[in-house]
C-alpha atoms as a PDB file:
ATOM      1  CA  MET A   1      16.427  12.050  21.292  1.00  0.00           C
ATOM      2  CA  TYR A   2      14.825   8.589  21.211  1.00  0.00           C
ATOM      3  CA  LYS A   3      12.013   9.710  18.896  1.00  0.00           C
ATOM      4  CA  SER A   4      14.514  11.240  16.503  1.00  0.00           C
ATOM      5  CA  GLY A   5      16.578   8.046  16.430  1.00  0.00           C
ATOM      6  CA  ALA A   6      13.511   5.872  16.004  1.00  0.00           C
ATOM      7  CA  LYS A   7      12.288   7.979  13.085  1.00  0.00           C
ATOM      8  CA  GLN A   8      15.713   7.851  11.495  1.00  0.00           C
ATOM      9  CA  TYR A   9      15.826   4.046  11.868  1.00  0.00           C
ATOM     10  CA  GLN A  10      12.324   3.740  10.441  1.00  0.00           C
ATOM     11  CA  SER A  11      13.310   5.905   7.483  1.00  0.00           C
ATOM     12  CA  VAL A  12      16.409   3.808   6.764  1.00  0.00           C
ATOM     13  CA  ASN A  13      14.458   0.577   7.208  1.00  0.00           C
ATOM     14  CA  THR A  14      11.697   1.771   4.869  1.00  0.00           C
ATOM     15  CA  THR A  15      14.205   2.989   2.287  1.00  0.00           C
ATOM     16  CA  SER A  16      15.986  -0.370   2.361  1.00  0.00           C
ATOM     17  CA  GLU A  17      12.725  -2.243   1.911  1.00  0.00           C
ATOM     18  CA  VAL A  18      11.732  -0.069  -1.046  1.00  0.00           C
ATOM     19  CA  LEU A  19      15.132  -0.426  -2.715  1.00  0.00           C
ATOM     20  CA  ASP A  20      14.997  -4.227  -2.349  1.00  0.00           C
ATOM     21  CA  ALA A  21      11.369  -4.579  -3.423  1.00  0.00           C
ATOM     22  CA  ASP A  22      10.135  -6.008  -6.687  1.00  0.00           C
ATOM     23  CA  PRO A  23       7.303  -4.193  -8.532  1.00  0.00           C
ATOM     24  CA  HIS A  24       4.604  -6.332  -6.893  1.00  0.00           C
ATOM     25  CA  ARG A  25       5.975  -5.601  -3.417  1.00  0.00           C
ATOM     26  CA  LEU A  26       6.179  -1.868  -4.175  1.00  0.00           C
ATOM     27  CA  ILE A  27       2.414  -1.798  -4.747  1.00  0.00           C
ATOM     28  CA  GLN A  28       1.947  -3.660  -1.449  1.00  0.00           C
ATOM     29  CA  LEU A  29       4.119  -1.065   0.310  1.00  0.00           C
ATOM     30  CA  LEU A  30       2.105   1.790  -1.181  1.00  0.00           C
ATOM     31  CA  MET A  31      -1.147   0.246  -0.002  1.00  0.00           C
ATOM     32  CA  GLU A  32       0.294  -0.418   3.455  1.00  0.00           C
ATOM     33  CA  GLY A  33       1.484   3.184   3.625  1.00  0.00           C
ATOM     34  CA  ALA A  34      -1.941   4.539   2.697  1.00  0.00           C
ATOM     35  CA  LEU A  35      -3.675   2.334   5.278  1.00  0.00           C
ATOM     36  CA  THR A  36      -1.213   3.368   7.980  1.00  0.00           C
ATOM     37  CA  ARG A  37      -1.629   7.062   7.223  1.00  0.00           C
ATOM     38  CA  MET A  38      -5.420   6.770   7.230  1.00  0.00           C
ATOM     39  CA  ALA A  39      -5.297   5.158  10.676  1.00  0.00           C
ATOM     40  CA  GLN A  40      -2.977   7.942  11.848  1.00  0.00           C
ATOM     41  CA  ALA A  41      -5.311  10.567  10.355  1.00  0.00           C
ATOM     42  CA  LYS A  42      -8.196   9.101  12.333  1.00  0.00           C
ATOM     43  CA  GLY A  43      -6.120   9.517  15.499  1.00  0.00           C
ATOM     44  CA  SER A  44      -5.310  13.086  14.522  1.00  0.00           C
ATOM     45  CA  ILE A  45      -9.011  13.867  14.104  1.00  0.00           C
ATOM     46  CA  GLN A  46      -9.776  12.350  17.490  1.00  0.00           C
ATOM     47  CA  ARG A  47      -7.035  14.478  19.084  1.00  0.00           C
ATOM     48  CA  GLY A  48      -8.139  17.617  17.249  1.00  0.00           C
ATOM     49  CA  ASP A  49      -4.815  17.888  15.385  1.00  0.00           C
ATOM     50  CA  PHE A  50      -6.312  19.000  12.099  1.00  0.00           C
ATOM     51  CA  ALA A  51      -3.062  20.176  10.532  1.00  0.00           C
ATOM     52  CA  GLU A  52      -1.586  16.696  10.953  1.00  0.00           C
ATOM     53  CA  LYS A  53      -4.818  15.131   9.660  1.00  0.00           C
ATOM     54  CA  SER A  54      -4.584  17.254   6.528  1.00  0.00           C
ATOM     55  CA  ARG A  55      -0.933  16.326   5.986  1.00  0.00           C
ATOM     56  CA  LEU A  56      -1.661  12.615   6.390  1.00  0.00           C
ATOM     57  CA  LEU A  57      -4.744  12.563   4.162  1.00  0.00           C
ATOM     58  CA  SER A  58      -2.897  14.566   1.520  1.00  0.00           C
ATOM     59  CA  ARG A  59      -0.215  11.876   1.526  1.00  0.00           C
ATOM     60  CA  VAL A  60      -2.928   9.195   1.262  1.00  0.00           C
ATOM     61  CA  ASN A  61      -4.283  10.905  -1.851  1.00  0.00           C
ATOM     62  CA  ASP A  62      -0.770  11.130  -3.321  1.00  0.00           C
ATOM     63  CA  ILE A  63      -0.405   7.373  -2.787  1.00  0.00           C
ATOM     64  CA  MET A  64      -3.821   6.675  -4.302  1.00  0.00           C
ATOM     65  CA  GLN A  65      -2.919   8.760  -7.354  1.00  0.00           C
ATOM     66  CA  THR A  66       0.327   6.804  -7.682  1.00  0.00           C
ATOM     67  CA  LEU A  67      -1.578   3.522  -7.494  1.00  0.00           C
ATOM     68  CA  GLN A  68      -4.056   4.828 -10.054  1.00  0.00           C
ATOM     69  CA  SER A  69      -1.317   5.959 -12.448  1.00  0.00           C
ATOM     70  CA  SER A  70       0.451   2.593 -12.163  1.00  0.00           C
ATOM     71  CA  LEU A  71      -2.499   0.739 -13.689  1.00  0.00           C
ATOM     72  CA  ASP A  72      -1.768  -0.908 -17.035  1.00  0.00           C
ATOM     73  CA  HIS A  73      -4.945  -0.327 -19.030  1.00  0.00           C
ATOM     74  CA  THR A  74      -3.583  -2.226 -22.035  1.00  0.00           C
ATOM     75  CA  GLN A  75      -3.033  -5.508 -20.191  1.00  0.00           C
ATOM     76  CA  GLY A  76      -5.471  -4.914 -17.353  1.00  0.00           C
ATOM     77  CA  GLY A  77      -8.566  -4.343 -19.455  1.00  0.00           C
ATOM     78  CA  VAL A  78     -11.806  -4.204 -17.474  1.00  0.00           C
ATOM     79  CA  LEU A  79     -10.036  -4.882 -14.170  1.00  0.00           C
ATOM     80  CA  ALA A  80      -7.740  -1.875 -14.633  1.00  0.00           C
ATOM     81  CA  ALA A  81     -10.721   0.288 -15.612  1.00  0.00           C
ATOM     82  CA  ASN A  82     -12.641  -0.815 -12.521  1.00  0.00           C
ATOM     83  CA  LEU A  83      -9.654  -0.166 -10.249  1.00  0.00           C
ATOM     84  CA  ASP A  84      -9.178   3.242 -11.873  1.00  0.00           C
ATOM     85  CA  GLY A  85     -12.753   4.148 -10.985  1.00  0.00           C
ATOM     86  CA  LEU A  86     -12.378   2.760  -7.481  1.00  0.00           C
ATOM     87  CA  TYR A  87      -9.172   4.720  -6.851  1.00  0.00           C
ATOM     88  CA  ASP A  88     -10.894   7.846  -8.154  1.00  0.00           C
ATOM     89  CA  TYR A  89     -13.790   7.247  -5.751  1.00  0.00           C
ATOM     90  CA  MET A  90     -11.414   6.650  -2.822  1.00  0.00           C
ATOM     91  CA  ILE A  91      -9.510   9.853  -3.586  1.00  0.00           C
ATOM     92  CA  ARG A  92     -12.718  11.905  -3.675  1.00  0.00           C
ATOM     93  CA  ARG A  93     -14.028  10.209  -0.528  1.00  0.00           C
ATOM     94  CA  THR A  94     -10.764  10.853   1.331  1.00  0.00           C
ATOM     95  CA  LEU A  95     -10.934  14.538   0.406  1.00  0.00           C
ATOM     96  CA  GLU A  96     -14.517  14.689   1.642  1.00  0.00           C
ATOM     97  CA  ALA A  97     -13.601  12.857   4.855  1.00  0.00           C
ATOM     98  CA  GLY A  98     -10.842  15.380   5.492  1.00  0.00           C
ATOM     99  CA  ASN A  99     -13.162  18.315   4.923  1.00  0.00           C
ATOM    100  CA  ARG A 100     -15.791  16.894   7.266  1.00  0.00           C
ATOM    101  CA  ASN A 101     -13.434  15.218   9.774  1.00  0.00           C
ATOM    102  CA  ASP A 102     -15.538  12.122   9.200  1.00  0.00           C
ATOM    103  CA  LEU A 103     -14.080   8.945  10.705  1.00  0.00           C
ATOM    104  CA  ASP A 104     -16.715   6.739   9.055  1.00  0.00           C
ATOM    105  CA  MET A 105     -15.685   7.928   5.586  1.00  0.00           C
ATOM    106  CA  ILE A 106     -12.063   7.145   6.368  1.00  0.00           C
ATOM    107  CA  ASP A 107     -13.133   3.696   7.592  1.00  0.00           C
ATOM    108  CA  GLU A 108     -15.018   3.185   4.326  1.00  0.00           C
ATOM    109  CA  VAL A 109     -11.935   4.024   2.246  1.00  0.00           C
ATOM    110  CA  MET A 110      -9.748   1.863   4.468  1.00  0.00           C
ATOM    111  CA  GLY A 111     -12.147  -1.051   3.964  1.00  0.00           C
ATOM    112  CA  LEU A 112     -12.125  -0.626   0.195  1.00  0.00           C
ATOM    113  CA  LEU A 113      -8.341  -0.383   0.022  1.00  0.00           C
ATOM    114  CA  LEU A 114      -7.973  -3.369   2.334  1.00  0.00           C
ATOM    115  CA  GLN A 115     -10.123  -5.429  -0.046  1.00  0.00           C
ATOM    116  CA  VAL A 116      -7.929  -4.415  -2.985  1.00  0.00           C
ATOM    117  CA  LYS A 117      -4.790  -5.144  -0.964  1.00  0.00           C
ATOM    118  CA  THR A 118      -6.075  -8.558   0.095  1.00  0.00           C
ATOM    119  CA  GLY A 119      -6.595  -9.474  -3.560  1.00  0.00           C
ATOM    120  CA  TRP A 120      -3.168  -8.105  -4.479  1.00  0.00           C
ATOM    121  CA  ASP A 121      -1.538 -10.037  -1.633  1.00  0.00           C
ATOM    122  CA  GLY A 122      -3.322 -13.172  -2.826  1.00  0.00           C
ATOM    123  CA  ILE A 123      -1.622 -13.118  -6.219  1.00  0.00           C
ATOM    124  CA  ARG A 124       1.884 -12.787  -4.737  1.00  0.00           C
ATOM    125  CA  GLN A 125       2.791 -16.442  -5.337  1.00  0.00           C
ATOM    126  CA  ASP A 126       1.579 -16.272  -8.946  1.00  0.00           C
ATOM    127  CA  TYR A 127       3.712 -13.172  -9.482  1.00  0.00           C
ATOM    128  CA  LEU A 128       6.805 -14.825  -8.004  1.00  0.00           C
ATOM    129  CA  GLN A 129       6.266 -17.915 -10.110  1.00  0.00           C
ATOM    130  CA  SER A 130       5.946 -15.876 -13.302  1.00  0.00           C
ATOM    131  CA  VAL A 131       9.086 -13.862 -12.572  1.00  0.00           C
ATOM    132  CA  HIS A 132      11.355 -16.379 -10.881  1.00  0.00           C
ATOM    133  CA  GLY A 133       9.846 -19.714 -11.867  1.00  0.00           C
ATOM    134  CA  VAL A 134       9.147 -20.405  -8.193  1.00  0.00           C
ATOM    135  CA  SER A 135       6.561 -23.124  -7.780  1.00  0.00           C
ATOM    136  CA  SER A 136       4.292 -23.220  -4.784  1.00  0.00           C
ATOM    137  CA  SER A 137       4.982 -26.933  -4.215  1.00  0.00           C
ATOM    138  CA  SER A 138       8.757 -26.566  -4.022  1.00  0.00           C
ATOM    139  CA  ASN A 139       8.521 -23.691  -1.557  1.00  0.00           C
ATOM    140  CA  SER A 140       5.450 -24.584   0.458  1.00  0.00           C
ATOM    141  CA  ASN A 141       7.368 -24.212   3.729  1.00  0.00           C
ATOM    142  CA  HIS A 142       8.595 -20.687   2.941  1.00  0.00           C
ATOM    143  CA  ASN A 143       6.843 -17.385   3.004  1.00  0.00           C
ATOM    144  CA  PRO A 144       6.872 -15.294  -0.207  1.00  0.00           C
ATOM    145  CA  GLU A 145       9.530 -12.901   1.092  1.00  0.00           C
ATOM    146  CA  GLU A 146      11.897 -15.802   1.796  1.00  0.00           C
ATOM    147  CA  VAL A 147      11.234 -17.172  -1.693  1.00  0.00           C
ATOM    148  CA  ARG A 148      11.969 -13.768  -3.227  1.00  0.00           C
ATOM    149  CA  LEU A 149      15.154 -13.407  -1.230  1.00  0.00           C
ATOM    150  CA  SER A 150      16.333 -16.960  -1.867  1.00  0.00           C
ATOM    151  CA  GLY A 151      15.834 -16.408  -5.581  1.00  0.00           C
ATOM    152  CA  ASN A 152      18.430 -13.637  -5.429  1.00  0.00           C
ATOM    153  CA  VAL A 153      21.071 -15.623  -3.543  1.00  0.00           C
ATOM    154  CA  SER A 154      23.586 -17.693  -5.453  1.00  0.00           C
ATOM    155  CA  ALA A 155      25.838 -20.363  -3.977  1.00  0.00           C
END
């Protein structure tokens, strides 16, 4: 009963976060989801639960394909092309890791995605400033989520 309730709460909480998220945050959520599922897949391999591993890694590849298809090659230029190639590599490597039950390959993909996510997280303030006119000096005591939320609240 508890597990069912916890999963239901998590689903509602995740749905709420996605519905409230701006485009930049949606990409962060996708990356977080892929990293979480890769960590869970590693646990599944260690436990010998290969059906669950396959389900999780399949979802990781779906997320990677979504990230890849969200690239704007017109505005992104060389950066978008490089990310496209990197996502393609990570997808292929994840498939290979699943076939071989190779934890090191999953770690490699997690490391690559974490590097991309760290860069993406680093431009959060620039994104907020471009969309909402939020300056880093006027909100230096607030985290980006508070800034985003405060920008949507009117007195």
